[in-house]
PDB file of all heavy atoms in Angstrom:
ATOM      1  N   GLY A   1       0.812  -1.215  -0.002  1.00  0.00           N
ATOM      2  CA  GLY A   1      -0.022  -0.026   0.025  1.00  0.00           C
ATOM      3  C   GLY A   1       0.828   1.284  -0.004  1.00  0.00           C
ATOM      4  O   GLY A   1       0.549   2.249  -0.649  1.00  0.00           O
ATOM      5  N   ALA A   2       1.915   1.230   0.748  1.00  0.00           N
ATOM      6  CA  ALA A   2       2.816   2.450   0.827  1.00  0.00           C
ATOM      7  C   ALA A   2       3.450   2.752  -0.493  1.00  0.00           C
ATOM      8  O   ALA A   2       3.819   3.876  -0.758  1.00  0.00           O
ATOM      9  CB  ALA A   2       3.893   2.191   1.892  1.00  0.00           C
ATOM     10  N   LEU A   3       3.659   1.722  -1.296  1.00  0.00           N
ATOM     11  CA  LEU A   3       4.307   1.933  -2.643  1.00  0.00           C
ATOM     12  C   LEU A   3       3.444   2.763  -3.569  1.00  0.00           C
ATOM     13  O   LEU A   3       3.968   3.439  -4.497  1.00  0.00           O
ATOM     14  CB  LEU A   3       4.615   0.598  -3.317  1.00  0.00           C
ATOM     15  CG  LEU A   3       5.812  -0.179  -2.718  1.00  0.00           C
ATOM     16  CD1 LEU A   3       5.842  -1.614  -3.292  1.00  0.00           C
ATOM     17  CD2 LEU A   3       7.121   0.555  -3.066  1.00  0.00           C
ATOM     18  N   ILE A   4       2.143   2.784  -3.364  1.00  0.00           N
ATOM     19  CA  ILE A   4       1.275   3.464  -4.313  1.00  0.00           C
ATOM     20  C   ILE A   4       0.501   4.665  -3.661  1.00  0.00           C
ATOM     21  O   ILE A   4      -0.141   5.439  -4.361  1.00  0.00           O
ATOM     22  CB  ILE A   4       0.253   2.531  -4.974  1.00  0.00           C
ATOM     23  CG1 ILE A   4      -0.647   1.894  -3.952  1.00  0.00           C
ATOM     24  CG2 ILE A   4       1.005   1.448  -5.786  1.00  0.00           C
ATOM     25  CD1 ILE A   4      -1.799   1.044  -4.585  1.00  0.00           C
ATOM     26  N   LEU A   5       0.521   4.762  -2.321  1.00  0.00           N
ATOM     27  CA  LEU A   5      -0.259   5.786  -1.662  1.00  0.00           C
ATOM     28  C   LEU A   5       0.131   7.215  -2.043  1.00  0.00           C
ATOM     29  O   LEU A   5      -0.712   8.057  -2.296  1.00  0.00           O
ATOM     30  CB  LEU A   5      -0.221   5.621  -0.127  1.00  0.00           C
ATOM     31  CG  LEU A   5      -0.980   6.661   0.694  1.00  0.00           C
ATOM     32  CD1 LEU A   5      -2.474   6.586   0.318  1.00  0.00           C
ATOM     33  CD2 LEU A   5      -0.802   6.369   2.159  1.00  0.00           C
ATOM     34  N   PRO A   6       1.478   7.539  -2.096  1.00  0.00           N
ATOM     35  CA  PRO A   6       1.821   8.949  -2.471  1.00  0.00           C
ATOM     36  C   PRO A   6       1.308   9.333  -3.806  1.00  0.00           C
ATOM     37  O   PRO A   6       0.788  10.455  -3.972  1.00  0.00           O
ATOM     38  CB  PRO A   6       3.354   8.910  -2.398  1.00  0.00           C
ATOM     39  CG  PRO A   6       3.685   7.801  -1.527  1.00  0.00           C
ATOM     40  CD  PRO A   6       2.673   6.740  -1.718  1.00  0.00           C
ATOM     41  N   GLN A   7       1.442   8.444  -4.799  1.00  0.00           N
ATOM     42  CA  GLN A   7       0.971   8.732  -6.135  1.00  0.00           C
ATOM     43  C   GLN A   7      -0.561   8.925  -6.137  1.00  0.00           C
ATOM     44  O   GLN A   7      -1.048   9.831  -6.827  1.00  0.00           O
ATOM     45  CB  GLN A   7       1.319   7.636  -7.113  1.00  0.00           C
ATOM     46  CG  GLN A   7       2.826   7.408  -7.300  1.00  0.00           C
ATOM     47  CD  GLN A   7       3.332   6.297  -6.471  1.00  0.00           C
ATOM     48  OE1 GLN A   7       3.177   6.324  -5.220  1.00  0.00           O
ATOM     49  NE2 GLN A   7       3.943   5.323  -7.055  1.00  0.00           N
ATOM     50  N   ALA A   8      -1.290   8.121  -5.389  1.00  0.00           N
ATOM     51  CA  ALA A   8      -2.747   8.190  -5.368  1.00  0.00           C
ATOM     52  C   ALA A   8      -3.171   9.498  -4.784  1.00  0.00           C
ATOM     53  O   ALA A   8      -4.086  10.188  -5.200  1.00  0.00           O
ATOM     54  CB  ALA A   8      -3.349   7.057  -4.563  1.00  0.00           C
ATOM     55  N   MET A   9      -2.466   9.989  -3.732  1.00  0.00           N
ATOM     56  CA  MET A   9      -2.787  11.268  -3.146  1.00  0.00           C
ATOM     57  C   MET A   9      -2.532  12.464  -4.109  1.00  0.00           C
ATOM     58  O   MET A   9      -3.317  13.371  -4.166  1.00  0.00           O
ATOM     59  CB  MET A   9      -1.970  11.486  -1.825  1.00  0.00           C
ATOM     60  CG  MET A   9      -2.371  10.476  -0.752  1.00  0.00           C
ATOM     61  SD  MET A   9      -1.340  10.607   0.729  1.00  0.00           S
ATOM     62  CE  MET A   9      -1.740  12.254   1.255  1.00  0.00           C
ATOM     63  N   ILE A  10      -1.415  12.351  -4.840  1.00  0.00           N
ATOM     64  CA  ILE A  10      -1.128  13.433  -5.813  1.00  0.00           C
ATOM     65  C   ILE A  10      -2.132  13.421  -6.935  1.00  0.00           C
ATOM     66  O   ILE A  10      -2.592  14.461  -7.390  1.00  0.00           O
ATOM     67  CB  ILE A  10       0.303  13.260  -6.333  1.00  0.00           C
ATOM     68  CG1 ILE A  10       1.329  13.412  -5.257  1.00  0.00           C
ATOM     69  CG2 ILE A  10       0.592  14.314  -7.469  1.00  0.00           C
ATOM     70  CD1 ILE A  10       2.770  13.127  -5.660  1.00  0.00           C
ATOM     71  N   LEU A  11      -2.585  12.208  -7.388  1.00  0.00           N
ATOM     72  CA  LEU A  11      -3.631  12.131  -8.380  1.00  0.00           C
ATOM     73  C   LEU A  11      -4.934  12.833  -7.897  1.00  0.00           C
ATOM     74  O   LEU A  11      -5.612  13.490  -8.668  1.00  0.00           O
ATOM     75  CB  LEU A  11      -3.939  10.683  -8.659  1.00  0.00           C
ATOM     76  CG  LEU A  11      -3.051   9.940  -9.685  1.00  0.00           C
ATOM     77  CD1 LEU A  11      -3.298   8.439  -9.638  1.00  0.00           C
ATOM     78  CD2 LEU A  11      -3.225  10.513 -11.076  1.00  0.00           C
ATOM     79  N   GLY A  12      -5.192  12.736  -6.598  1.00  0.00           N
ATOM     80  CA  GLY A  12      -6.404  13.367  -6.067  1.00  0.00           C
ATOM     81  C   GLY A  12      -6.323  14.881  -6.130  1.00  0.00           C
ATOM     82  O   GLY A  12      -7.397  15.493  -6.103  1.00  0.00           O
ATOM     83  N   THR A  13      -5.155  15.431  -6.116  1.00  0.00           N
ATOM     84  CA  THR A  13      -5.011  16.888  -6.160  1.00  0.00           C
ATOM     85  C   THR A  13      -5.287  17.499  -7.539  1.00  0.00           C
ATOM     86  O   THR A  13      -5.563  18.665  -7.675  1.00  0.00           O
ATOM     87  CB  THR A  13      -3.646  17.365  -5.727  1.00  0.00           C
ATOM     88  OG1 THR A  13      -2.643  16.977  -6.640  1.00  0.00           O
ATOM     89  CG2 THR A  13      -3.266  16.779  -4.319  1.00  0.00           C
ATOM     90  N   THR A  14      -5.107  16.657  -8.554  1.00  0.00           N
ATOM     91  CA  THR A  14      -5.225  17.237  -9.928  1.00  0.00           C
ATOM     92  C   THR A  14      -6.598  17.775 -10.293  1.00  0.00           C
ATOM     93  O   THR A  14      -6.727  18.778 -10.961  1.00  0.00           O
ATOM     94  CB  THR A  14      -4.783  16.190 -10.997  1.00  0.00           C
ATOM     95  OG1 THR A  14      -5.634  15.021 -10.872  1.00  0.00           O
ATOM     96  CG2 THR A  14      -3.317  15.780 -10.752  1.00  0.00           C
ATOM     97  N   PHE A  15      -7.643  17.083  -9.814  1.00  0.00           N
ATOM     98  CA  PHE A  15      -9.005  17.495 -10.182  1.00  0.00           C
ATOM     99  C   PHE A  15      -9.334  18.891  -9.659  1.00  0.00           C
ATOM    100  O   PHE A  15      -9.775  19.739 -10.379  1.00  0.00           O
ATOM    101  CB  PHE A  15     -10.037  16.501  -9.806  1.00  0.00           C
ATOM    102  CG  PHE A  15     -11.439  16.849 -10.179  1.00  0.00           C
ATOM    103  CD1 PHE A  15     -11.885  16.552 -11.417  1.00  0.00           C
ATOM    104  CD2 PHE A  15     -12.268  17.525  -9.302  1.00  0.00           C
ATOM    105  CE1 PHE A  15     -13.183  16.911 -11.815  1.00  0.00           C
ATOM    106  CE2 PHE A  15     -13.567  17.882  -9.683  1.00  0.00           C
ATOM    107  CZ  PHE A  15     -14.017  17.570 -10.959  1.00  0.00           C
ATOM    108  N   PRO A  16      -9.204  19.127  -8.318  1.00  0.00           N
ATOM    109  CA  PRO A  16      -9.552  20.430  -7.771  1.00  0.00           C
ATOM    110  C   PRO A  16      -8.681  21.556  -8.371  1.00  0.00           C
ATOM    111  O   PRO A  16      -9.117  22.679  -8.586  1.00  0.00           O
ATOM    112  CB  PRO A  16      -9.412  20.308  -6.275  1.00  0.00           C
ATOM    113  CG  PRO A  16      -8.546  19.100  -6.056  1.00  0.00           C
ATOM    114  CD  PRO A  16      -8.861  18.203  -7.190  1.00  0.00           C
ATOM    115  N   LEU A  17      -7.409  21.270  -8.649  1.00  0.00           N
ATOM    116  CA  LEU A  17      -6.547  22.287  -9.193  1.00  0.00           C
ATOM    117  C   LEU A  17      -6.901  22.627 -10.635  1.00  0.00           C
ATOM    118  O   LEU A  17      -6.986  23.808 -11.014  1.00  0.00           O
ATOM    119  CB  LEU A  17      -5.082  21.854  -9.199  1.00  0.00           C
ATOM    120  CG  LEU A  17      -4.456  21.713  -7.789  1.00  0.00           C
ATOM    121  CD1 LEU A  17      -3.073  21.007  -7.874  1.00  0.00           C
ATOM    122  CD2 LEU A  17      -4.337  23.073  -7.165  1.00  0.00           C
ATOM    123  N   MET A  18      -7.239  21.639 -11.439  1.00  0.00           N
ATOM    124  CA  MET A  18      -7.650  21.902 -12.787  1.00  0.00           C
ATOM    125  C   MET A  18      -9.012  22.595 -12.850  1.00  0.00           C
ATOM    126  O   MET A  18      -9.231  23.525 -13.595  1.00  0.00           O
ATOM    127  CB  MET A  18      -7.712  20.607 -13.631  1.00  0.00           C
ATOM    128  CG  MET A  18      -8.250  20.770 -15.059  1.00  0.00           C
ATOM    129  SD  MET A  18      -7.309  21.935 -16.065  1.00  0.00           S
ATOM    130  CE  MET A  18      -5.881  20.915 -16.598  1.00  0.00           C
ATOM    131  N   ALA A  19      -9.909  22.069 -11.998  1.00  0.00           N
ATOM    132  CA  ALA A  19     -11.280  22.717 -11.923  1.00  0.00           C
ATOM    133  C   ALA A  19     -11.187  24.160 -11.534  1.00  0.00           C
ATOM    134  O   ALA A  19     -11.863  25.018 -12.129  1.00  0.00           O
ATOM    135  CB  ALA A  19     -12.167  21.926 -10.930  1.00  0.00           C
ATOM    136  N   ALA A  20     -10.309  24.472 -10.598  1.00  0.00           N
ATOM    137  CA  ALA A  20     -10.146  25.891 -10.156  1.00  0.00           C
ATOM    138  C   ALA A  20      -9.596  26.685 -11.307  1.00  0.00           C
ATOM    139  O   ALA A  20     -10.062  27.842 -11.506  1.00  0.00           O
ATOM    140  CB  ALA A  20      -9.192  25.946  -8.962  1.00  0.00           C
ATOM    141  N   GLY A  21      -8.680  26.181 -12.077  1.00  0.00           N
ATOM    142  CA  GLY A  21      -8.125  26.905 -13.218  1.00  0.00           C
ATOM    143  C   GLY A  21      -9.176  27.117 -14.262  1.00  0.00           C
ATOM    144  O   GLY A  21      -9.279  28.229 -14.857  1.00  0.00           O
ATOM    145  N   LEU A  22      -9.997  26.123 -14.613  1.00  0.00           N
ATOM    146  CA  LEU A  22     -11.015  26.259 -15.592  1.00  0.00           C
ATOM    147  C   LEU A  22     -12.133  27.262 -15.189  1.00  0.00           C
ATOM    148  O   LEU A  22     -12.607  28.016 -16.018  1.00  0.00           O
ATOM    149  CB  LEU A  22     -11.664  24.875 -15.907  1.00  0.00           C
ATOM    150  CG  LEU A  22     -10.722  23.917 -16.655  1.00  0.00           C
ATOM    151  CD1 LEU A  22     -11.462  22.569 -16.817  1.00  0.00           C
ATOM    152  CD2 LEU A  22     -10.281  24.446 -18.026  1.00  0.00           C
ATOM    153  N   VAL A  23     -12.483  27.222 -13.888  1.00  0.00           N
ATOM    154  CA  VAL A  23     -13.487  28.104 -13.390  1.00  0.00           C
ATOM    155  C   VAL A  23     -13.043  29.574 -13.532  1.00  0.00           C
ATOM    156  O   VAL A  23     -13.789  30.446 -13.920  1.00  0.00           O
ATOM    157  CB  VAL A  23     -13.823  27.798 -11.923  1.00  0.00           C
ATOM    158  CG1 VAL A  23     -14.617  28.904 -11.265  1.00  0.00           C
ATOM    159  CG2 VAL A  23     -14.639  26.482 -11.844  1.00  0.00           C
ATOM    160  N   ARG A  24     -11.716  29.819 -13.204  1.00  0.00           N
ATOM    161  CA  ARG A  24     -11.264  31.198 -13.256  1.00  0.00           C
ATOM    162  C   ARG A  24     -11.129  31.736 -14.691  1.00  0.00           C
ATOM    163  O   ARG A  24     -11.117  32.928 -14.883  1.00  0.00           O
ATOM    164  CB  ARG A  24      -9.890  31.261 -12.532  1.00  0.00           C
ATOM    165  CG  ARG A  24     -10.036  31.019 -11.051  1.00  0.00           C
ATOM    166  CD  ARG A  24      -8.761  31.204 -10.345  1.00  0.00           C
ATOM    167  NE  ARG A  24      -8.856  30.710  -8.945  1.00  0.00           N
ATOM    168  CZ  ARG A  24      -7.901  30.934  -8.017  1.00  0.00           C
ATOM    169  NH1 ARG A  24      -6.765  31.622  -8.347  1.00  0.00           N
ATOM    170  NH2 ARG A  24      -8.011  30.472  -6.841  1.00  0.00           N
ATOM    171  N   ARG A  25     -11.017  30.836 -15.617  1.00  0.00           N
ATOM    172  CA  ARG A  25     -10.978  31.259 -16.980  1.00  0.00           C
ATOM    173  C   ARG A  25     -12.343  31.585 -17.577  1.00  0.00           C
ATOM    174  O   ARG A  25     -12.514  32.205 -18.634  1.00  0.00           O
ATOM    175  CB  ARG A  25     -10.328  30.185 -17.872  1.00  0.00           C
ATOM    176  CG  ARG A  25      -8.846  29.962 -17.561  1.00  0.00           C
ATOM    177  CD  ARG A  25      -8.235  28.830 -18.419  1.00  0.00           C
ATOM    178  NE  ARG A  25      -8.135  29.271 -19.781  1.00  0.00           N
ATOM    179  CZ  ARG A  25      -7.047  29.937 -20.280  1.00  0.00           C
ATOM    180  NH1 ARG A  25      -6.083  30.251 -19.507  1.00  0.00           N
ATOM    181  NH2 ARG A  25      -7.050  30.289 -21.551  1.00  0.00           N
ATOM    182  N   ASP A  26     -13.423  31.209 -16.835  1.00  0.00           N
ATOM    183  CA  ASP A  26     -14.761  31.498 -17.268  1.00  0.00           C
ATOM    184  C   ASP A  26     -15.637  31.741 -16.082  1.00  0.00           C
ATOM    185  O   ASP A  26     -16.452  30.888 -15.665  1.00  0.00           O
ATOM    186  CB  ASP A  26     -15.314  30.367 -18.168  1.00  0.00           C
ATOM    187  CG  ASP A  26     -16.693  30.711 -18.808  1.00  0.00           C
ATOM    188  OD1 ASP A  26     -17.097  31.876 -18.670  1.00  0.00           O
ATOM    189  OD2 ASP A  26     -17.284  29.824 -19.418  1.00  0.00           O
ATOM    190  N   LEU A  27     -15.495  32.901 -15.408  1.00  0.00           N
ATOM    191  CA  LEU A  27     -16.140  33.168 -14.161  1.00  0.00           C
ATOM    192  C   LEU A  27     -17.659  33.316 -14.275  1.00  0.00           C
ATOM    193  O   LEU A  27     -18.368  33.184 -13.343  1.00  0.00           O
ATOM    194  CB  LEU A  27     -15.560  34.427 -13.531  1.00  0.00           C
ATOM    195  CG  LEU A  27     -14.077  34.358 -13.050  1.00  0.00           C
ATOM    196  CD1 LEU A  27     -13.626  35.676 -12.587  1.00  0.00           C
ATOM    197  CD2 LEU A  27     -13.942  33.366 -11.969  1.00  0.00           C
ATOM    198  N   GLU A  28     -18.109  33.583 -15.538  1.00  0.00           N
ATOM    199  CA  GLU A  28     -19.544  33.679 -15.735  1.00  0.00           C
ATOM    200  C   GLU A  28     -20.271  32.359 -15.731  1.00  0.00           C
ATOM    201  O   GLU A  28     -21.473  32.318 -15.515  1.00  0.00           O
ATOM    202  CB  GLU A  28     -19.818  34.418 -17.051  1.00  0.00           C
ATOM    203  CG  GLU A  28     -19.357  35.876 -17.067  1.00  0.00           C
ATOM    204  CD  GLU A  28     -19.708  36.570 -18.391  1.00  0.00           C
ATOM    205  OE1 GLU A  28     -20.316  35.888 -19.225  1.00  0.00           O
ATOM    206  OE2 GLU A  28     -19.411  37.797 -18.518  1.00  0.00           O
ATOM    207  N   HIS A  29     -19.494  31.277 -15.941  1.00  0.00           N
ATOM    208  CA  HIS A  29     -20.091  29.937 -15.990  1.00  0.00           C
ATOM    209  C   HIS A  29     -19.246  28.973 -15.186  1.00  0.00           C
ATOM    210  O   HIS A  29     -18.577  28.083 -15.726  1.00  0.00           O
ATOM    211  CB  HIS A  29     -20.230  29.417 -17.400  1.00  0.00           C
ATOM    212  CG  HIS A  29     -20.958  30.345 -18.327  1.00  0.00           C
ATOM    213  ND1 HIS A  29     -20.332  31.358 -19.125  1.00  0.00           N
ATOM    214  CD2 HIS A  29     -22.333  30.478 -18.642  1.00  0.00           C
ATOM    215  CE1 HIS A  29     -21.229  32.006 -19.784  1.00  0.00           C
ATOM    216  NE2 HIS A  29     -22.433  31.525 -19.486  1.00  0.00           N
ATOM    217  N   PRO A  30     -19.132  29.167 -13.872  1.00  0.00           N
ATOM    218  CA  PRO A  30     -18.219  28.328 -13.043  1.00  0.00           C
ATOM    219  C   PRO A  30     -18.624  26.832 -13.045  1.00  0.00           C
ATOM    220  O   PRO A  30     -17.765  25.979 -13.013  1.00  0.00           O
ATOM    221  CB  PRO A  30     -18.375  28.954 -11.605  1.00  0.00           C
ATOM    222  CG  PRO A  30     -19.723  29.630 -11.637  1.00  0.00           C
ATOM    223  CD  PRO A  30     -19.894  30.132 -13.037  1.00  0.00           C
ATOM    224  N   GLY A  31     -19.900  26.569 -13.088  1.00  0.00           N
ATOM    225  CA  GLY A  31     -20.308  25.177 -13.134  1.00  0.00           C
ATOM    226  C   GLY A  31     -19.856  24.425 -14.359  1.00  0.00           C
ATOM    227  O   GLY A  31     -19.567  23.230 -14.287  1.00  0.00           O
ATOM    228  N   ALA A  32     -19.774  25.124 -15.469  1.00  0.00           N
ATOM    229  CA  ALA A  32     -19.335  24.517 -16.696  1.00  0.00           C
ATOM    230  C   ALA A  32     -17.875  24.040 -16.611  1.00  0.00           C
ATOM    231  O   ALA A  32     -17.557  22.938 -17.107  1.00  0.00           O
ATOM    232  CB  ALA A  32     -19.493  25.497 -17.861  1.00  0.00           C
ATOM    233  N   GLY A  33     -17.048  24.847 -15.959  1.00  0.00           N
ATOM    234  CA  GLY A  33     -15.663  24.445 -15.830  1.00  0.00           C
ATOM    235  C   GLY A  33     -15.504  23.146 -15.023  1.00  0.00           C
ATOM    236  O   GLY A  33     -14.716  22.228 -15.430  1.00  0.00           O
ATOM    237  N   VAL A  34     -16.246  23.031 -13.910  1.00  0.00           N
ATOM    238  CA  VAL A  34     -16.168  21.818 -13.109  1.00  0.00           C
ATOM    239  C   VAL A  34     -16.721  20.614 -13.853  1.00  0.00           C
ATOM    240  O   VAL A  34     -16.147  19.500 -13.805  1.00  0.00           O
ATOM    241  CB  VAL A  34     -16.906  22.041 -11.738  1.00  0.00           C
ATOM    242  CG1 VAL A  34     -16.925  20.742 -10.965  1.00  0.00           C
ATOM    243  CG2 VAL A  34     -16.309  23.149 -10.967  1.00  0.00           C
ATOM    244  N   ALA A  35     -17.852  20.846 -14.533  1.00  0.00           N
ATOM    245  CA  ALA A  35     -18.460  19.724 -15.305  1.00  0.00           C
ATOM    246  C   ALA A  35     -17.519  19.277 -16.425  1.00  0.00           C
ATOM    247  O   ALA A  35     -17.396  18.076 -16.656  1.00  0.00           O
ATOM    248  CB  ALA A  35     -19.770  20.203 -15.878  1.00  0.00           C
ATOM    249  N   GLU A  36     -16.866  20.205 -17.074  1.00  0.00           N
ATOM    250  CA  GLU A  36     -15.923  19.819 -18.128  1.00  0.00           C
ATOM    251  C   GLU A  36     -14.785  18.974 -17.597  1.00  0.00           C
ATOM    252  O   GLU A  36     -14.354  18.006 -18.171  1.00  0.00           O
ATOM    253  CB  GLU A  36     -15.450  21.039 -18.827  1.00  0.00           C
ATOM    254  CG  GLU A  36     -16.351  21.592 -19.936  1.00  0.00           C
ATOM    255  CD  GLU A  36     -15.663  22.700 -20.724  1.00  0.00           C
ATOM    256  OE1 GLU A  36     -15.520  23.790 -20.202  1.00  0.00           O
ATOM    257  OE2 GLU A  36     -15.249  22.449 -21.844  1.00  0.00           O
ATOM    258  N   ALA A  37     -14.227  19.487 -16.472  1.00  0.00           N
ATOM    259  CA  ALA A  37     -13.087  18.757 -15.862  1.00  0.00           C
ATOM    260  C   ALA A  37     -13.498  17.312 -15.477  1.00  0.00           C
ATOM    261  O   ALA A  37     -12.736  16.422 -15.741  1.00  0.00           O
ATOM    262  CB  ALA A  37     -12.609  19.525 -14.614  1.00  0.00           C
ATOM    263  N   TYR A  38     -14.695  17.231 -14.904  1.00  0.00           N
ATOM    264  CA  TYR A  38     -15.149  15.862 -14.504  1.00  0.00           C
ATOM    265  C   TYR A  38     -15.349  14.960 -15.734  1.00  0.00           C
ATOM    266  O   TYR A  38     -14.959  13.799 -15.713  1.00  0.00           O
ATOM    267  CB  TYR A  38     -16.422  16.002 -13.728  1.00  0.00           C
ATOM    268  CG  TYR A  38     -16.898  14.678 -13.108  1.00  0.00           C
ATOM    269  CD1 TYR A  38     -16.356  14.196 -11.934  1.00  0.00           C
ATOM    270  CD2 TYR A  38     -17.904  13.930 -13.763  1.00  0.00           C
ATOM    271  CE1 TYR A  38     -16.796  12.967 -11.407  1.00  0.00           C
ATOM    272  CE2 TYR A  38     -18.317  12.734 -13.245  1.00  0.00           C
ATOM    273  CZ  TYR A  38     -17.762  12.264 -12.041  1.00  0.00           C
ATOM    274  OH  TYR A  38     -18.197  11.075 -11.534  1.00  0.00           O
TER     275      TYR A  38
END
């Protein structure tokens, strides 16, 4: 488990970071950025 846990945690950070970036590029439609990322 320890061999893969650090990578899994970093993988988990990518979604909120990308979603935040997409939302800020289109502040008039914040939900669209999150939906696109997902």
